[in-house]
Amino acid sequence: MRRLRAKDSLLTGTILRQFFLLWLIILVGACHHPDKDKLPNAELFGKIIYDTDIINRDSTDAWGAECLSGLNRKVLIDKVFDSVFAGKITPYDYFTGEKITPPQIREMESSGEFSRENISRLKFEERWVWDDEKVEMQKQLISLTIAYDVFDNAGKSRGQKPIFKLVFRK
């Protein structure tokens, strides 16, 4: 009888271990989401590309001032450059698509080609998604282009020139 109990106990332990292992595999598998950017109950509206001014150069433009009143421009720009210089994200030439190295950007900045003070525009490329379950729209950033003002000899703006493009997802 004792031998039978030991055998039952061993069998029960084996079954419990197998059950625990199966439960662990299911749990781990359920937590793995290869399509983390895809929402289960979502409708993709498509891609949108738009520019946003981050400097209001017109002191009479109350709307522009209000729109930028909550932006900490310097912190944002410094965070982008710090991430590039730390190698956390790769910058690309806006026109050619070739990689730009952090030393190349440092050289452009130190040579006076651009100043962070003149960075005035961001170009966003986003994917807009409607989540039916949460009843909300989500914006997924695809890329961000940083541009600065270009002035003529008389100090009049000639437009903006991109410094680099950051790609966050394809």
Protein backbone atom coordinates (compact mmCIF):
# COMPACT_ATOMS: atom_id res chain seq x y z
CA MET A 1 0.00 0.00 0.00
CA ARG A 2 2.84 2.32 0.83
CA ARG A 3 4.43 1.65 -2.51
CA LEU A 4 1.17 2.52 -4.29
CA ARG A 5 0.93 5.87 -2.46
CA ALA A 6 4.48 6.74 -3.38
CA LYS A 7 3.76 5.86 -7.00
CA ASP A 8 0.55 7.97 -6.95
CA SER A 9 2.43 10.83 -5.35
CA LEU A 10 5.15 10.63 -8.01
CA LEU A 11 2.54 10.51 -10.76
CA THR A 12 0.64 13.46 -9.27
CA GLY A 13 3.88 15.48 -9.04
CA THR A 14 4.68 14.72 -12.69
CA ILE A 15 1.21 15.74 -13.79
CA LEU A 16 1.44 18.96 -11.79
CA ARG A 17 4.84 19.79 -13.31
CA GLN A 18 3.51 19.14 -16.82
CA PHE A 19 0.43 21.24 -16.12
CA PHE A 20 2.59 24.08 -14.76
CA LEU A 21 4.91 23.91 -17.80
CA LEU A 22 1.95 23.98 -20.20
CA TRP A 23 0.43 26.91 -18.30
CA LEU A 24 3.76 28.79 -18.45
CA ILE A 25 4.09 28.21 -22.21
CA ILE A 26 0.55 29.49 -22.80
CA LEU A 27 1.18 32.54 -20.62
CA VAL A 28 4.45 33.44 -22.34
CA GLY A 29 2.90 32.91 -25.77
CA ALA A 30 -0.04 35.12 -24.90
CA CYS A 31 2.27 37.95 -23.87
CA HIS A 32 4.29 37.89 -27.10
CA HIS A 33 2.88 40.31 -29.68
CA PRO A 34 4.90 40.42 -32.92
CA ASP A 35 2.44 42.95 -34.36
CA LYS A 36 2.56 45.37 -31.45
CA ASP A 37 1.77 48.35 -33.71
CA LYS A 38 -1.41 46.70 -34.96
CA LEU A 39 -4.53 47.23 -32.93
CA PRO A 40 -7.05 44.35 -32.94
CA ASN A 41 -10.18 46.46 -33.40
CA ALA A 42 -8.68 49.30 -35.40
CA GLU A 43 -9.26 50.97 -38.70
CA LEU A 44 -6.26 52.45 -40.48
CA PHE A 45 -7.05 55.84 -42.00
CA GLY A 46 -3.77 56.00 -43.86
CA LYS A 47 -0.63 58.05 -43.75
CA ILE A 48 -0.43 61.82 -43.37
CA ILE A 49 2.56 64.12 -43.79
CA TYR A 50 2.47 67.64 -42.39
CA ASP A 51 4.77 70.45 -41.28
CA THR A 52 4.55 72.16 -37.91
CA ASP A 53 6.20 75.48 -37.13
CA ILE A 54 7.85 75.43 -33.71
CA ILE A 55 8.84 79.10 -33.72
CA ASN A 56 6.36 81.95 -34.03
CA ARG A 57 8.30 84.74 -35.73
CA ASP A 58 5.23 87.02 -35.99
CA SER A 59 4.69 88.83 -32.70
CA THR A 60 1.18 89.85 -33.80
CA ASP A 61 0.10 86.23 -34.39
CA ALA A 62 -1.86 85.44 -31.21
CA TRP A 63 -3.07 82.11 -32.63
CA GLY A 64 0.52 80.98 -33.33
CA ALA A 65 1.60 82.06 -29.84
CA GLU A 66 -1.29 80.15 -28.26
CA CYS A 67 -0.56 77.00 -30.30
CA LEU A 68 3.09 76.98 -29.18
CA SER A 69 2.52 78.10 -25.59
CA GLY A 70 2.85 74.57 -24.17
CA LEU A 71 5.90 73.56 -26.20
CA ASN A 72 9.33 73.39 -24.56
CA ARG A 73 11.15 73.75 -27.89
CA LYS A 74 14.71 73.74 -26.55
CA VAL A 75 14.19 70.57 -24.50
CA LEU A 76 12.61 68.81 -27.49
CA ILE A 77 15.42 69.77 -29.87
CA ASP A 78 18.14 68.91 -27.34
CA LYS A 79 16.48 65.52 -26.68
CA VAL A 80 16.48 64.74 -30.42
CA PHE A 81 20.14 65.71 -30.83
CA ASP A 82 21.17 63.87 -27.64
CA SER A 83 19.46 60.71 -28.95
CA VAL A 84 21.24 61.03 -32.30
CA PHE A 85 24.64 61.66 -30.68
CA ALA A 86 24.14 58.72 -28.28
CA GLY A 87 23.42 56.44 -31.26
CA LYS A 88 19.87 55.69 -30.10
CA ILE A 89 18.43 56.68 -33.49
CA THR A 90 19.97 57.03 -36.93
CA PRO A 91 19.59 60.27 -38.90
CA TYR A 92 19.21 60.17 -42.69
CA ASP A 93 19.77 62.78 -45.37
CA TYR A 94 16.32 64.08 -46.29
CA PHE A 95 17.04 64.20 -50.03
CA THR A 96 19.23 61.12 -50.62
CA GLY A 97 18.11 58.80 -47.81
CA GLU A 98 21.75 58.08 -46.92
CA LYS A 99 22.77 57.72 -43.28
CA ILE A 100 24.37 60.73 -41.63
CA THR A 101 26.83 60.07 -38.82
CA PRO A 102 26.77 61.98 -35.52
CA PRO A 103 30.23 63.47 -36.28
CA GLN A 104 28.86 64.81 -39.59
CA ILE A 105 26.01 66.51 -37.74
CA ARG A 106 28.41 67.92 -35.14
CA GLU A 107 30.54 69.31 -37.98
CA MET A 108 27.49 70.88 -39.67
CA GLU A 109 26.53 72.51 -36.39
CA SER A 110 30.01 73.68 -35.38
CA SER A 111 30.75 75.06 -38.87
CA GLY A 112 27.71 77.31 -38.61
CA GLU A 113 25.69 75.56 -41.31
CA PHE A 114 22.80 75.61 -38.87
CA SER A 115 22.08 76.69 -35.33
CA ARG A 116 19.66 74.93 -33.01
CA GLU A 117 18.23 78.40 -32.33
CA ASN A 118 17.06 78.54 -35.98
CA ILE A 119 15.35 75.14 -35.98
CA SER A 120 11.86 76.27 -36.76
CA ARG A 121 9.94 73.43 -38.37
CA LEU A 122 9.22 69.76 -37.84
CA LYS A 123 7.83 67.56 -40.59
CA PHE A 124 5.82 64.61 -39.30
CA GLU A 125 4.97 61.47 -41.21
CA GLU A 126 2.32 59.56 -39.28
CA ARG A 127 -0.09 56.68 -39.56
CA TRP A 128 -3.53 57.48 -38.16
CA VAL A 129 -5.50 54.64 -36.61
CA TRP A 130 -8.99 54.57 -35.09
CA ASP A 131 -9.39 52.12 -32.21
CA ASP A 132 -13.04 50.99 -32.09
CA GLU A 133 -12.61 49.33 -28.71
CA LYS A 134 -11.30 52.44 -26.95
CA VAL A 135 -13.14 54.90 -29.21
CA GLU A 136 -10.01 56.92 -29.80
CA MET A 137 -7.62 57.86 -32.56
CA GLN A 138 -3.95 57.00 -32.25
CA LYS A 139 -1.11 58.53 -34.19
CA GLN A 140 1.90 56.33 -34.92
CA LEU A 141 4.99 58.35 -35.78
CA ILE A 142 6.74 56.99 -38.88
CA SER A 143 9.35 59.71 -39.35
CA LEU A 144 10.35 63.16 -38.17
CA THR A 145 12.32 65.70 -40.20
CA ILE A 146 14.10 68.60 -38.48
CA ALA A 147 14.44 71.85 -40.48
CA TYR A 148 15.95 75.28 -39.86
CA ASP A 149 15.30 78.76 -41.26
CA VAL A 150 17.45 80.01 -44.12
CA PHE A 151 17.87 83.79 -44.45
CA ASP A 152 19.25 85.94 -47.26
CA ASN A 153 21.90 88.63 -46.74
CA ALA A 154 19.22 91.17 -45.86
CA GLY A 155 17.89 88.92 -43.09
CA LYS A 156 14.72 87.98 -44.97
CA SER A 157 13.55 84.37 -44.66
CA ARG A 158 14.08 82.24 -47.76
CA GLY A 159 12.33 79.22 -46.26
CA GLN A 160 13.53 76.15 -44.40
CA LYS A 161 16.16 73.53 -45.07
CA PRO A 162 16.05 70.02 -43.59
CA ILE A 163 18.96 68.94 -41.39
CA PHE A 164 18.04 65.27 -41.19
CA LYS A 165 15.19 62.80 -41.10
CA LEU A 166 14.63 60.28 -38.31
CA VAL A 167 12.78 57.08 -39.19
CA PHE A 168 10.94 55.39 -36.30
CA ARG A 169 9.05 52.69 -38.20
CA LYS A 170 8.45 51.70 -41.79
